[in-house]
Amino acid sequence: MTDEEHRASSAIRATLAACTQAGDARRADVYAAAFTIDGVLDLGDRRLDGREAIREWMAAPSPIARPDAAVASPGFVSHHLTTCRIDVTGATAATVRTYWFVITAVGLDHSGYYADQFRCENGAWLIAHRRPRVLWVAPNSLIAGNATPG
């Protein structure tokens, strides 16, 4: 790995962490800032094009706080990033696959991975395209059927 690839990988990991923590805290501006201006969040059943559309989606009420939840305090979600493979494919491009799992009031709620394309713009490594993939959902999941994790 070259020094430049190492710097890119470190910056990408920092963006992943900032985006994840902002998403859990519903900090829409910080979450959206992890994406390029023309970034895409592809949720499978719908696609959000552009940073502003992503910000508006994150600013909307969270589906996890639904009134029919079977637990007394359903209102938190905590994404945990695990294995991450970063392939720097050019001076301003990288392909990233990051596994994650989510904890809610029910415990381990669901898991999967992010298939991301990153782009370096003005010295910042940002998400140009993200496609979350859900691999497993707990039978008592608070998320299942309500939202695709972003």
C-alpha atoms as a PDB file:
ATOM      1  CA  MET A   1       0.000   0.000   0.000  1.00  0.00           C
ATOM      2  CA  THR A   2       1.384   3.400  -0.949  1.00  0.00           C
ATOM      3  CA  ASP A   3       1.398   6.348   1.450  1.00  0.00           C
ATOM      4  CA  GLU A   4      -1.330   7.987  -0.634  1.00  0.00           C
ATOM      5  CA  GLU A   5      -3.507   4.844  -0.473  1.00  0.00           C
ATOM      6  CA  HIS A   6      -2.956   4.684   3.289  1.00  0.00           C
ATOM      7  CA  ARG A   7      -4.044   8.336   3.677  1.00  0.00           C
ATOM      8  CA  ALA A   8      -7.085   7.672   1.482  1.00  0.00           C
ATOM      9  CA  SER A   9      -8.040   4.587   3.538  1.00  0.00           C
ATOM     10  CA  SER A  10      -7.731   6.522   6.797  1.00  0.00           C
ATOM     11  CA  ALA A  11      -9.879   9.359   5.451  1.00  0.00           C
ATOM     12  CA  ILE A  12     -12.494   6.904   4.149  1.00  0.00           C
ATOM     13  CA  ARG A  13     -12.675   5.178   7.556  1.00  0.00           C
ATOM     14  CA  ALA A  14     -13.172   8.577   9.208  1.00  0.00           C
ATOM     15  CA  THR A  15     -16.043   9.367   6.812  1.00  0.00           C
ATOM     16  CA  LEU A  16     -17.624   5.963   7.487  1.00  0.00           C
ATOM     17  CA  ALA A  17     -17.481   6.554  11.255  1.00  0.00           C
ATOM     18  CA  ALA A  18     -18.847  10.104  11.031  1.00  0.00           C
ATOM     19  CA  CYS A  19     -21.692   9.014   8.759  1.00  0.00           C
ATOM     20  CA  THR A  20     -22.612   6.049  10.980  1.00  0.00           C
ATOM     21  CA  GLN A  21     -22.649   8.049  14.207  1.00  0.00           C
ATOM     22  CA  ALA A  22     -24.568  10.909  12.603  1.00  0.00           C
ATOM     23  CA  GLY A  23     -27.160   8.472  11.234  1.00  0.00           C
ATOM     24  CA  ASP A  24     -27.742   6.893  14.635  1.00  0.00           C
ATOM     25  CA  ALA A  25     -28.119  10.347  16.209  1.00  0.00           C
ATOM     26  CA  ARG A  26     -30.374  11.524  13.329  1.00  0.00           C
ATOM     27  CA  ARG A  27     -27.996  14.433  12.688  1.00  0.00           C
ATOM     28  CA  ALA A  28     -29.176  14.977   9.137  1.00  0.00           C
ATOM     29  CA  ASP A  29     -26.709  17.701   8.137  1.00  0.00           C
ATOM     30  CA  VAL A  30     -23.663  15.741   9.323  1.00  0.00           C
ATOM     31  CA  TYR A  31     -24.991  12.513   7.782  1.00  0.00           C
ATOM     32  CA  ALA A  32     -25.610  14.163   4.401  1.00  0.00           C
ATOM     33  CA  ALA A  33     -22.200  15.863   4.495  1.00  0.00           C
ATOM     34  CA  ALA A  34     -20.602  12.401   4.247  1.00  0.00           C
ATOM     35  CA  PHE A  35     -21.967  12.206   0.673  1.00  0.00           C
ATOM     36  CA  THR A  36     -20.866  14.059  -2.439  1.00  0.00           C
ATOM     37  CA  ILE A  37     -23.203  16.818  -3.660  1.00  0.00           C
ATOM     38  CA  ASP A  38     -24.477  14.403  -6.331  1.00  0.00           C
ATOM     39  CA  GLY A  39     -24.258  11.382  -4.023  1.00  0.00           C
ATOM     40  CA  VAL A  40     -26.741   8.523  -4.256  1.00  0.00           C
ATOM     41  CA  LEU A  41     -28.273   6.509  -1.440  1.00  0.00           C
ATOM     42  CA  ASP A  42     -29.853   3.457  -3.070  1.00  0.00           C
ATOM     43  CA  LEU A  43     -32.216   1.862  -0.553  1.00  0.00           C
ATOM     44  CA  GLY A  44     -33.437  -0.815  -2.936  1.00  0.00           C
ATOM     45  CA  ASP A  45     -37.098   0.194  -2.857  1.00  0.00           C
ATOM     46  CA  ARG A  46     -36.206   3.845  -3.442  1.00  0.00           C
ATOM     47  CA  ARG A  47     -33.249   5.899  -4.515  1.00  0.00           C
ATOM     48  CA  LEU A  48     -32.227   9.240  -3.062  1.00  0.00           C
ATOM     49  CA  ASP A  49     -30.298  11.390  -5.525  1.00  0.00           C
ATOM     50  CA  GLY A  50     -28.190  14.248  -4.201  1.00  0.00           C
ATOM     51  CA  ARG A  51     -27.020  15.405  -0.808  1.00  0.00           C
ATOM     52  CA  GLU A  52     -30.165  17.464  -0.168  1.00  0.00           C
ATOM     53  CA  ALA A  53     -32.508  14.504  -0.797  1.00  0.00           C
ATOM     54  CA  ILE A  54     -30.375  12.390   1.543  1.00  0.00           C
ATOM     55  CA  ARG A  55     -30.473  15.130   4.198  1.00  0.00           C
ATOM     56  CA  GLU A  56     -34.276  15.410   3.950  1.00  0.00           C
ATOM     57  CA  TRP A  57     -34.646  11.624   4.278  1.00  0.00           C
ATOM     58  CA  MET A  58     -32.450  11.573   7.394  1.00  0.00           C
ATOM     59  CA  ALA A  59     -34.276  14.583   8.878  1.00  0.00           C
ATOM     60  CA  ALA A  60     -37.658  12.809   8.628  1.00  0.00           C
ATOM     61  CA  PRO A  61     -39.040  11.037  11.713  1.00  0.00           C
ATOM     62  CA  SER A  62     -37.345   7.720  12.400  1.00  0.00           C
ATOM     63  CA  PRO A  63     -39.400   4.588  11.707  1.00  0.00           C
ATOM     64  CA  ILE A  64     -37.774   2.898  14.708  1.00  0.00           C
ATOM     65  CA  ALA A  65     -39.848   4.988  17.116  1.00  0.00           C
ATOM     66  CA  ARG A  66     -43.118   3.446  15.991  1.00  0.00           C
ATOM     67  CA  PRO A  67     -45.948   3.419  18.513  1.00  0.00           C
ATOM     68  CA  ASP A  68     -46.786  -0.264  18.012  1.00  0.00           C
ATOM     69  CA  ALA A  69     -43.324  -1.484  19.011  1.00  0.00           C
ATOM     70  CA  ALA A  70     -43.407  -4.438  21.390  1.00  0.00           C
ATOM     71  CA  VAL A  71     -40.869  -2.925  23.765  1.00  0.00           C
ATOM     72  CA  ALA A  72     -41.255  -0.053  26.178  1.00  0.00           C
ATOM     73  CA  SER A  73     -38.377   2.034  24.835  1.00  0.00           C
ATOM     74  CA  PRO A  74     -37.841   1.325  21.131  1.00  0.00           C
ATOM     75  CA  GLY A  75     -36.291   4.676  20.243  1.00  0.00           C
ATOM     76  CA  PHE A  76     -32.583   3.893  19.791  1.00  0.00           C
ATOM     77  CA  VAL A  77     -30.561   2.342  17.033  1.00  0.00           C
ATOM     78  CA  SER A  78     -26.827   1.732  17.129  1.00  0.00           C
ATOM     79  CA  HIS A  79     -24.916   0.692  14.004  1.00  0.00           C
ATOM     80  CA  HIS A  80     -21.573  -1.031  14.558  1.00  0.00           C
ATOM     81  CA  LEU A  81     -19.105  -1.188  11.681  1.00  0.00           C
ATOM     82  CA  THR A  82     -16.955  -4.290  11.472  1.00  0.00           C
ATOM     83  CA  THR A  83     -14.775  -5.641   8.640  1.00  0.00           C
ATOM     84  CA  CYS A  84     -14.017  -3.068   5.961  1.00  0.00           C
ATOM     85  CA  ARG A  85     -12.249  -3.623   2.639  1.00  0.00           C
ATOM     86  CA  ILE A  86     -11.101  -0.489   0.841  1.00  0.00           C
ATOM     87  CA  ASP A  87      -9.833  -0.739  -2.726  1.00  0.00           C
ATOM     88  CA  VAL A  88      -8.367   2.555  -3.903  1.00  0.00           C
ATOM     89  CA  THR A  89      -9.022   2.397  -7.632  1.00  0.00           C
ATOM     90  CA  GLY A  90      -7.588   5.753  -8.646  1.00  0.00           C
ATOM     91  CA  ALA A  91      -6.322   9.076  -7.325  1.00  0.00           C
ATOM     92  CA  THR A  92      -9.895  10.148  -6.482  1.00  0.00           C
ATOM     93  CA  ALA A  93     -11.890   6.890  -6.428  1.00  0.00           C
ATOM     94  CA  ALA A  94     -12.321   3.896  -4.138  1.00  0.00           C
ATOM     95  CA  THR A  95     -14.634   0.911  -3.810  1.00  0.00           C
ATOM     96  CA  VAL A  96     -15.522   0.049  -0.215  1.00  0.00           C
ATOM     97  CA  ARG A  97     -17.408  -2.854   1.361  1.00  0.00           C
ATOM     98  CA  THR A  98     -18.141  -2.531   5.080  1.00  0.00           C
ATOM     99  CA  TYR A  99     -19.998  -5.081   7.194  1.00  0.00           C
ATOM    100  CA  TRP A 100     -22.245  -3.830   9.997  1.00  0.00           C
ATOM    101  CA  PHE A 101     -24.673  -4.988  12.628  1.00  0.00           C
ATOM    102  CA  VAL A 102     -27.380  -3.018  14.391  1.00  0.00           C
ATOM    103  CA  ILE A 103     -28.416  -3.055  18.029  1.00  0.00           C
ATOM    104  CA  THR A 104     -31.869  -1.802  19.068  1.00  0.00           C
ATOM    105  CA  ALA A 105     -33.947  -2.257  22.229  1.00  0.00           C
ATOM    106  CA  VAL A 106     -34.517  -5.895  21.210  1.00  0.00           C
ATOM    107  CA  GLY A 107     -30.775  -6.612  21.045  1.00  0.00           C
ATOM    108  CA  LEU A 108     -29.110  -7.700  17.806  1.00  0.00           C
ATOM    109  CA  ASP A 109     -31.670  -6.449  15.289  1.00  0.00           C
ATOM    110  CA  HIS A 110     -30.216  -6.929  11.807  1.00  0.00           C
ATOM    111  CA  SER A 111     -26.939  -7.061   9.908  1.00  0.00           C
ATOM    112  CA  GLY A 112     -25.489  -6.628   6.454  1.00  0.00           C
ATOM    113  CA  TYR A 113     -22.986  -4.557   4.521  1.00  0.00           C
ATOM    114  CA  TYR A 114     -22.593  -1.278   2.686  1.00  0.00           C
ATOM    115  CA  ALA A 115     -21.460  -1.408  -0.923  1.00  0.00           C
ATOM    116  CA  ASP A 116     -19.972   2.059  -1.367  1.00  0.00           C
ATOM    117  CA  GLN A 117     -18.255   4.039  -4.069  1.00  0.00           C
ATOM    118  CA  PHE A 118     -16.134   6.863  -2.641  1.00  0.00           C
ATOM    119  CA  ARG A 119     -14.819   9.914  -4.437  1.00  0.00           C
ATOM    120  CA  CYS A 120     -12.252  12.439  -3.261  1.00  0.00           C
ATOM    121  CA  GLU A 121     -13.476  15.990  -3.768  1.00  0.00           C
ATOM    122  CA  ASN A 122     -11.555  19.045  -2.567  1.00  0.00           C
ATOM    123  CA  GLY A 123      -9.392  16.784  -0.415  1.00  0.00           C
ATOM    124  CA  ALA A 124     -12.324  15.024   1.300  1.00  0.00           C
ATOM    125  CA  TRP A 125     -13.190  11.354   0.687  1.00  0.00           C
ATOM    126  CA  LEU A 126     -16.996  11.231   0.435  1.00  0.00           C
ATOM    127  CA  ILE A 127     -19.616   8.629  -0.451  1.00  0.00           C
ATOM    128  CA  ALA A 128     -20.622   8.970  -4.111  1.00  0.00           C
ATOM    129  CA  HIS A 129     -22.923   5.920  -4.078  1.00  0.00           C
ATOM    130  CA  ARG A 130     -24.145   3.733  -1.217  1.00  0.00           C
ATOM    131  CA  ARG A 131     -26.209   0.557  -1.426  1.00  0.00           C
ATOM    132  CA  PRO A 132     -26.967  -0.996   1.986  1.00  0.00           C
ATOM    133  CA  ARG A 133     -27.523  -4.757   1.817  1.00  0.00           C
ATOM    134  CA  VAL A 134     -29.375  -6.516   4.629  1.00  0.00           C
ATOM    135  CA  LEU A 135     -28.179 -10.099   5.141  1.00  0.00           C
ATOM    136  CA  TRP A 136     -30.009 -11.068   8.347  1.00  0.00           C
ATOM    137  CA  VAL A 137     -32.969  -9.764  10.367  1.00  0.00           C
ATOM    138  CA  ALA A 138     -33.986 -10.907  13.862  1.00  0.00           C
ATOM    139  CA  PRO A 139     -37.489 -12.367  14.131  1.00  0.00           C
ATOM    140  CA  ASN A 140     -38.434  -9.586  16.583  1.00  0.00           C
ATOM    141  CA  SER A 141     -36.641  -6.791  14.683  1.00  0.00           C
ATOM    142  CA  LEU A 142     -37.812  -3.227  15.227  1.00  0.00           C
ATOM    143  CA  ILE A 143     -36.566  -2.304  11.757  1.00  0.00           C
ATOM    144  CA  ALA A 144     -37.977  -5.150   9.641  1.00  0.00           C
ATOM    145  CA  GLY A 145     -40.662  -3.945   7.278  1.00  0.00           C
ATOM    146  CA  ASN A 146     -40.227  -0.314   8.350  1.00  0.00           C
ATOM    147  CA  ALA A 147     -36.985   0.973   6.896  1.00  0.00           C
ATOM    148  CA  THR A 148     -33.868   0.035   5.063  1.00  0.00           C
ATOM    149  CA  PRO A 149     -30.903   1.020   7.214  1.00  0.00           C
ATOM    150  CA  GLY A 150     -28.802   3.768   5.742  1.00  0.00           C
END
